Amino acid sequence: MSESVNETGGTGPSHRGVEIGVAVSIAILAIIGIYGSLQVGIGWASDGPRAGFFPFYVSLIVLLSSAINFTQAFLAPADGRVFAEWGQLRQVVSVLVPTIIYVAVIPYTGMYVASAVLITFFMRWFGRYNWVSAVAVGVGMPILTFFMFEVWFLVPLPKGPLEHMLGY
């Protein structure tokens, strides 16, 4: 992706470069979806469509859409527009990285413990809340979520060692 300068003088990746990069990335995901669908079958069985029928056609539509987006972005003249300044992208990454870590630790800690840590962390880091408020909300929300999903709606969410230790 090429770097451009916007009207305020800030630099960052070009709008065109990001459009091309996203189109290629989505096309790769669509190709993976098509490949997986072909592995499980995309035809009709005696009892109806096979498991890959709908994912295949959805992935095909996504691939065609990505090809159109890629072509339009590639053929458009480079106008020098900036997609986002590097400082703005750093802010996105500062939220994205903890969220990726959150998703990665859910299988080991369970949804509730991971959520308590994430909420507390975000409130302290981004909201600059005091520890009492951050911990109160960070612990309170997963407890409320537990009662809402597990007790009232009877929908189990991923549990970790703490919940198993408590008998849930």
C-alpha atoms as a PDB file:
ATOM      1  CA  MET A   1       0.000   0.000   0.000  1.00  0.00           C
ATOM      2  CA  SER A   2       1.383   3.341  -0.923  1.00  0.00           C
ATOM      3  CA  GLU A   3       1.553   6.211   1.507  1.00  0.00           C
ATOM      4  CA  SER A   4      -0.287   9.459   0.842  1.00  0.00           C
ATOM      5  CA  VAL A   5      -0.641  12.856   2.454  1.00  0.00           C
ATOM      6  CA  ASN A   6      -4.091  14.226   3.248  1.00  0.00           C
ATOM      7  CA  GLU A   7      -5.288  17.816   3.243  1.00  0.00           C
ATOM      8  CA  THR A   8      -4.277  18.313   6.907  1.00  0.00           C
ATOM      9  CA  GLY A   9      -0.731  17.202   6.156  1.00  0.00           C
ATOM     10  CA  GLY A  10      -1.009  13.812   7.880  1.00  0.00           C
ATOM     11  CA  THR A  11       0.325  10.711   6.220  1.00  0.00           C
ATOM     12  CA  GLY A  12      -1.029   7.206   6.078  1.00  0.00           C
ATOM     13  CA  PRO A  13      -1.907   4.395   3.710  1.00  0.00           C
ATOM     14  CA  SER A  14      -3.632   5.481   0.525  1.00  0.00           C
ATOM     15  CA  HIS A  15      -7.346   4.984   0.155  1.00  0.00           C
ATOM     16  CA  ARG A  16      -6.793   3.138  -3.130  1.00  0.00           C
ATOM     17  CA  GLY A  17      -4.170   0.846  -1.607  1.00  0.00           C
ATOM     18  CA  VAL A  18      -6.449  -0.102   1.266  1.00  0.00           C
ATOM     19  CA  GLU A  19      -9.338  -0.809  -1.117  1.00  0.00           C
ATOM     20  CA  ILE A  20      -7.123  -3.106  -3.183  1.00  0.00           C
ATOM     21  CA  GLY A  21      -5.786  -4.820  -0.041  1.00  0.00           C
ATOM     22  CA  VAL A  22      -9.258  -5.425   1.372  1.00  0.00           C
ATOM     23  CA  ALA A  23     -10.544  -6.734  -1.972  1.00  0.00           C
ATOM     24  CA  VAL A  24      -7.650  -9.214  -2.168  1.00  0.00           C
ATOM     25  CA  SER A  25      -8.078 -10.281   1.484  1.00  0.00           C
ATOM     26  CA  ILE A  26     -11.817 -10.870   1.112  1.00  0.00           C
ATOM     27  CA  ALA A  27     -11.214 -12.747  -2.148  1.00  0.00           C
ATOM     28  CA  ILE A  28      -8.797 -15.075  -0.344  1.00  0.00           C
ATOM     29  CA  LEU A  29     -11.428 -15.767   2.327  1.00  0.00           C
ATOM     30  CA  ALA A  30     -14.006 -16.424  -0.404  1.00  0.00           C
ATOM     31  CA  ILE A  31     -11.650 -18.873  -2.121  1.00  0.00           C
ATOM     32  CA  ILE A  32     -11.169 -20.680   1.186  1.00  0.00           C
ATOM     33  CA  GLY A  33     -14.970 -20.844   1.538  1.00  0.00           C
ATOM     34  CA  ILE A  34     -15.343 -22.214  -1.990  1.00  0.00           C
ATOM     35  CA  TYR A  35     -12.646 -24.823  -1.381  1.00  0.00           C
ATOM     36  CA  GLY A  36     -14.249 -25.941   1.888  1.00  0.00           C
ATOM     37  CA  SER A  37     -17.660 -26.123   0.272  1.00  0.00           C
ATOM     38  CA  LEU A  38     -16.324 -28.291  -2.521  1.00  0.00           C
ATOM     39  CA  GLN A  39     -14.811 -30.620   0.079  1.00  0.00           C
ATOM     40  CA  VAL A  40     -18.201 -31.303   1.705  1.00  0.00           C
ATOM     41  CA  GLY A  41     -20.215 -31.210  -1.502  1.00  0.00           C
ATOM     42  CA  ILE A  42     -22.194 -28.498  -3.242  1.00  0.00           C
ATOM     43  CA  GLY A  43     -24.789 -30.592  -5.038  1.00  0.00           C
ATOM     44  CA  TRP A  44     -28.102 -32.017  -4.021  1.00  0.00           C
ATOM     45  CA  ALA A  45     -28.571 -35.204  -2.059  1.00  0.00           C
ATOM     46  CA  SER A  46     -31.762 -37.237  -1.790  1.00  0.00           C
ATOM     47  CA  ASP A  47     -32.774 -35.202   1.270  1.00  0.00           C
ATOM     48  CA  GLY A  48     -31.906 -31.769  -0.101  1.00  0.00           C
ATOM     49  CA  PRO A  49     -28.861 -29.551  -0.558  1.00  0.00           C
ATOM     50  CA  ARG A  50     -25.529 -30.849   0.691  1.00  0.00           C
ATOM     51  CA  ALA A  51     -23.638 -29.024   3.436  1.00  0.00           C
ATOM     52  CA  GLY A  52     -21.559 -26.933   1.047  1.00  0.00           C
ATOM     53  CA  PHE A  53     -24.371 -25.801  -1.249  1.00  0.00           C
ATOM     54  CA  PHE A  54     -25.229 -22.448   0.331  1.00  0.00           C
ATOM     55  CA  PRO A  55     -21.700 -21.583   1.551  1.00  0.00           C
ATOM     56  CA  PHE A  56     -20.400 -22.250  -1.972  1.00  0.00           C
ATOM     57  CA  TYR A  57     -22.775 -19.805  -3.622  1.00  0.00           C
ATOM     58  CA  VAL A  58     -22.333 -17.177  -0.920  1.00  0.00           C
ATOM     59  CA  SER A  59     -18.552 -17.482  -1.266  1.00  0.00           C
ATOM     60  CA  LEU A  60     -18.869 -17.269  -5.046  1.00  0.00           C
ATOM     61  CA  ILE A  61     -20.886 -14.047  -4.774  1.00  0.00           C
ATOM     62  CA  VAL A  62     -18.327 -12.626  -2.332  1.00  0.00           C
ATOM     63  CA  LEU A  63     -15.480 -13.573  -4.701  1.00  0.00           C
ATOM     64  CA  LEU A  64     -17.207 -11.881  -7.642  1.00  0.00           C
ATOM     65  CA  SER A  65     -17.894  -8.778  -5.540  1.00  0.00           C
ATOM     66  CA  SER A  66     -14.254  -8.659  -4.481  1.00  0.00           C
ATOM     67  CA  ALA A  67     -13.161  -8.941  -8.108  1.00  0.00           C
ATOM     68  CA  ILE A  68     -15.405  -6.002  -9.028  1.00  0.00           C
ATOM     69  CA  ASN A  69     -14.091  -3.920  -6.103  1.00  0.00           C
ATOM     70  CA  PHE A  70     -10.499  -4.808  -6.982  1.00  0.00           C
ATOM     71  CA  THR A  71     -10.997  -3.865 -10.624  1.00  0.00           C
ATOM     72  CA  GLN A  72     -12.664  -0.554  -9.781  1.00  0.00           C
ATOM     73  CA  ALA A  73      -9.964   0.365  -7.248  1.00  0.00           C
ATOM     74  CA  PHE A  74      -7.155  -0.723  -9.559  1.00  0.00           C
ATOM     75  CA  LEU A  75      -8.481   1.146 -12.598  1.00  0.00           C
ATOM     76  CA  ALA A  76      -9.360   4.330 -10.696  1.00  0.00           C
ATOM     77  CA  PRO A  77      -6.724   7.039 -10.977  1.00  0.00           C
ATOM     78  CA  ALA A  78      -4.622   7.521  -7.857  1.00  0.00           C
ATOM     79  CA  ASP A  79      -5.992  10.689  -6.273  1.00  0.00           C
ATOM     80  CA  GLY A  80      -3.665  10.725  -3.266  1.00  0.00           C
ATOM     81  CA  ARG A  81      -6.425  10.426  -0.673  1.00  0.00           C
ATOM     82  CA  VAL A  82      -5.414   9.028   2.705  1.00  0.00           C
ATOM     83  CA  PHE A  83      -7.480   6.182   4.142  1.00  0.00           C
ATOM     84  CA  ALA A  84      -6.500   7.071   7.722  1.00  0.00           C
ATOM     85  CA  GLU A  85      -3.561   8.732   9.386  1.00  0.00           C
ATOM     86  CA  TRP A  86      -1.062   6.518  11.207  1.00  0.00           C
ATOM     87  CA  GLY A  87      -2.144   7.918  14.572  1.00  0.00           C
ATOM     88  CA  GLN A  88      -5.736   6.951  13.854  1.00  0.00           C
ATOM     89  CA  LEU A  89      -4.663   3.452  12.863  1.00  0.00           C
ATOM     90  CA  ARG A  90      -2.690   3.142  16.123  1.00  0.00           C
ATOM     91  CA  GLN A  91      -5.919   3.875  18.015  1.00  0.00           C
ATOM     92  CA  VAL A  92      -7.706   1.107  16.103  1.00  0.00           C
ATOM     93  CA  VAL A  93      -4.883  -1.330  16.834  1.00  0.00           C
ATOM     94  CA  SER A  94      -4.953  -0.376  20.533  1.00  0.00           C
ATOM     95  CA  VAL A  95      -8.538  -1.685  20.641  1.00  0.00           C
ATOM     96  CA  LEU A  96      -8.050  -4.548  18.188  1.00  0.00           C
ATOM     97  CA  VAL A  97      -5.101  -6.225  19.938  1.00  0.00           C
ATOM     98  CA  PRO A  98      -6.791  -6.567  23.369  1.00  0.00           C
ATOM     99  CA  THR A  99      -9.937  -7.811  21.626  1.00  0.00           C
ATOM    100  CA  ILE A 100      -7.962 -10.489  19.758  1.00  0.00           C
ATOM    101  CA  ILE A 101      -6.330 -11.530  23.034  1.00  0.00           C
ATOM    102  CA  TYR A 102      -9.788 -11.653  24.646  1.00  0.00           C
ATOM    103  CA  VAL A 103     -11.099 -14.003  21.964  1.00  0.00           C
ATOM    104  CA  ALA A 104      -7.957 -16.147  22.175  1.00  0.00           C
ATOM    105  CA  VAL A 105      -8.192 -16.666  25.967  1.00  0.00           C
ATOM    106  CA  ILE A 106     -11.930 -17.484  26.101  1.00  0.00           C
ATOM    107  CA  PRO A 107     -11.336 -21.239  25.567  1.00  0.00           C
ATOM    108  CA  TYR A 108      -8.956 -21.258  28.567  1.00  0.00           C
ATOM    109  CA  THR A 109     -10.610 -18.845  30.998  1.00  0.00           C
ATOM    110  CA  GLY A 110     -14.229 -18.949  29.885  1.00  0.00           C
ATOM    111  CA  MET A 111     -16.384 -16.103  28.655  1.00  0.00           C
ATOM    112  CA  TYR A 112     -17.097 -14.568  32.036  1.00  0.00           C
ATOM    113  CA  VAL A 113     -13.557 -14.245  33.401  1.00  0.00           C
ATOM    114  CA  ALA A 114     -12.223 -13.013  30.045  1.00  0.00           C
ATOM    115  CA  SER A 115     -15.047 -10.460  29.823  1.00  0.00           C
ATOM    116  CA  ALA A 116     -14.425  -9.205  33.357  1.00  0.00           C
ATOM    117  CA  VAL A 117     -10.754  -8.625  32.579  1.00  0.00           C
ATOM    118  CA  LEU A 118     -11.461  -6.977  29.217  1.00  0.00           C
ATOM    119  CA  ILE A 119     -14.145  -4.641  30.544  1.00  0.00           C
ATOM    120  CA  THR A 120     -12.001  -3.626  33.521  1.00  0.00           C
ATOM    121  CA  PHE A 121      -8.981  -3.086  31.276  1.00  0.00           C
ATOM    122  CA  PHE A 122     -10.912  -0.972  28.762  1.00  0.00           C
ATOM    123  CA  MET A 123     -12.532   1.136  31.476  1.00  0.00           C
ATOM    124  CA  ARG A 124      -9.178   1.846  33.124  1.00  0.00           C
ATOM    125  CA  TRP A 125      -7.157   2.349  29.931  1.00  0.00           C
ATOM    126  CA  PHE A 126      -9.577   4.160  27.641  1.00  0.00           C
ATOM    127  CA  GLY A 127     -12.144   5.564  30.031  1.00  0.00           C
ATOM    128  CA  ARG A 128      -9.660   6.494  32.789  1.00  0.00           C
ATOM    129  CA  TYR A 129     -12.206   5.323  35.383  1.00  0.00           C
ATOM    130  CA  ASN A 130     -11.042   4.694  38.934  1.00  0.00           C
ATOM    131  CA  TRP A 131     -10.333   1.120  40.003  1.00  0.00           C
ATOM    132  CA  VAL A 132     -13.497   0.776  42.077  1.00  0.00           C
ATOM    133  CA  SER A 133     -15.777   1.706  39.166  1.00  0.00           C
ATOM    134  CA  ALA A 134     -13.825  -0.337  36.638  1.00  0.00           C
ATOM    135  CA  VAL A 135     -13.793  -3.484  38.764  1.00  0.00           C
ATOM    136  CA  ALA A 136     -17.451  -3.058  39.786  1.00  0.00           C
ATOM    137  CA  VAL A 137     -18.620  -2.859  36.172  1.00  0.00           C
ATOM    138  CA  GLY A 138     -15.996  -5.371  34.977  1.00  0.00           C
ATOM    139  CA  VAL A 139     -17.258  -7.989  37.441  1.00  0.00           C
ATOM    140  CA  GLY A 140     -20.906  -6.938  37.456  1.00  0.00           C
ATOM    141  CA  MET A 141     -21.521  -7.199  33.710  1.00  0.00           C
ATOM    142  CA  PRO A 142     -20.352 -10.821  33.372  1.00  0.00           C
ATOM    143  CA  ILE A 143     -22.451 -11.760  36.420  1.00  0.00           C
ATOM    144  CA  LEU A 144     -25.484 -10.081  34.847  1.00  0.00           C
ATOM    145  CA  THR A 145     -24.699 -11.799  31.551  1.00  0.00           C
ATOM    146  CA  PHE A 146     -24.427 -15.151  33.348  1.00  0.00           C
ATOM    147  CA  PHE A 147     -27.881 -14.805  34.883  1.00  0.00           C
ATOM    148  CA  MET A 148     -29.427 -13.547  31.659  1.00  0.00           C
ATOM    149  CA  PHE A 149     -28.049 -16.280  29.385  1.00  0.00           C
ATOM    150  CA  GLU A 150     -27.384 -19.270  31.645  1.00  0.00           C
ATOM    151  CA  VAL A 151     -30.259 -18.955  34.124  1.00  0.00           C
ATOM    152  CA  TRP A 152     -33.079 -17.106  32.375  1.00  0.00           C
ATOM    153  CA  PHE A 153     -32.604 -18.051  28.697  1.00  0.00           C
ATOM    154  CA  LEU A 154     -30.856 -21.377  29.359  1.00  0.00           C
ATOM    155  CA  VAL A 155     -28.185 -20.604  26.750  1.00  0.00           C
ATOM    156  CA  PRO A 156     -24.773 -21.900  27.852  1.00  0.00           C
ATOM    157  CA  LEU A 157     -21.737 -19.755  27.100  1.00  0.00           C
ATOM    158  CA  PRO A 158     -18.114 -20.973  27.159  1.00  0.00           C
ATOM    159  CA  LYS A 159     -16.977 -21.670  30.702  1.00  0.00           C
ATOM    160  CA  GLY A 160     -13.521 -21.896  32.186  1.00  0.00           C
ATOM    161  CA  PRO A 161     -11.936 -23.356  35.302  1.00  0.00           C
ATOM    162  CA  LEU A 162     -13.575 -20.804  37.659  1.00  0.00           C
ATOM    163  CA  GLU A 163     -17.098 -21.724  36.600  1.00  0.00           C
ATOM    164  CA  HIS A 164     -16.279 -25.436  36.788  1.00  0.00           C
ATOM    165  CA  MET A 165     -14.836 -24.912  40.273  1.00  0.00           C
ATOM    166  CA  LEU A 166     -18.093 -23.192  41.286  1.00  0.00           C
ATOM    167  CA  GLY A 167     -20.105 -26.118  39.916  1.00  0.00           C
ATOM    168  CA  TYR A 168     -21.429 -24.578  36.684  1.00  0.00           C
END
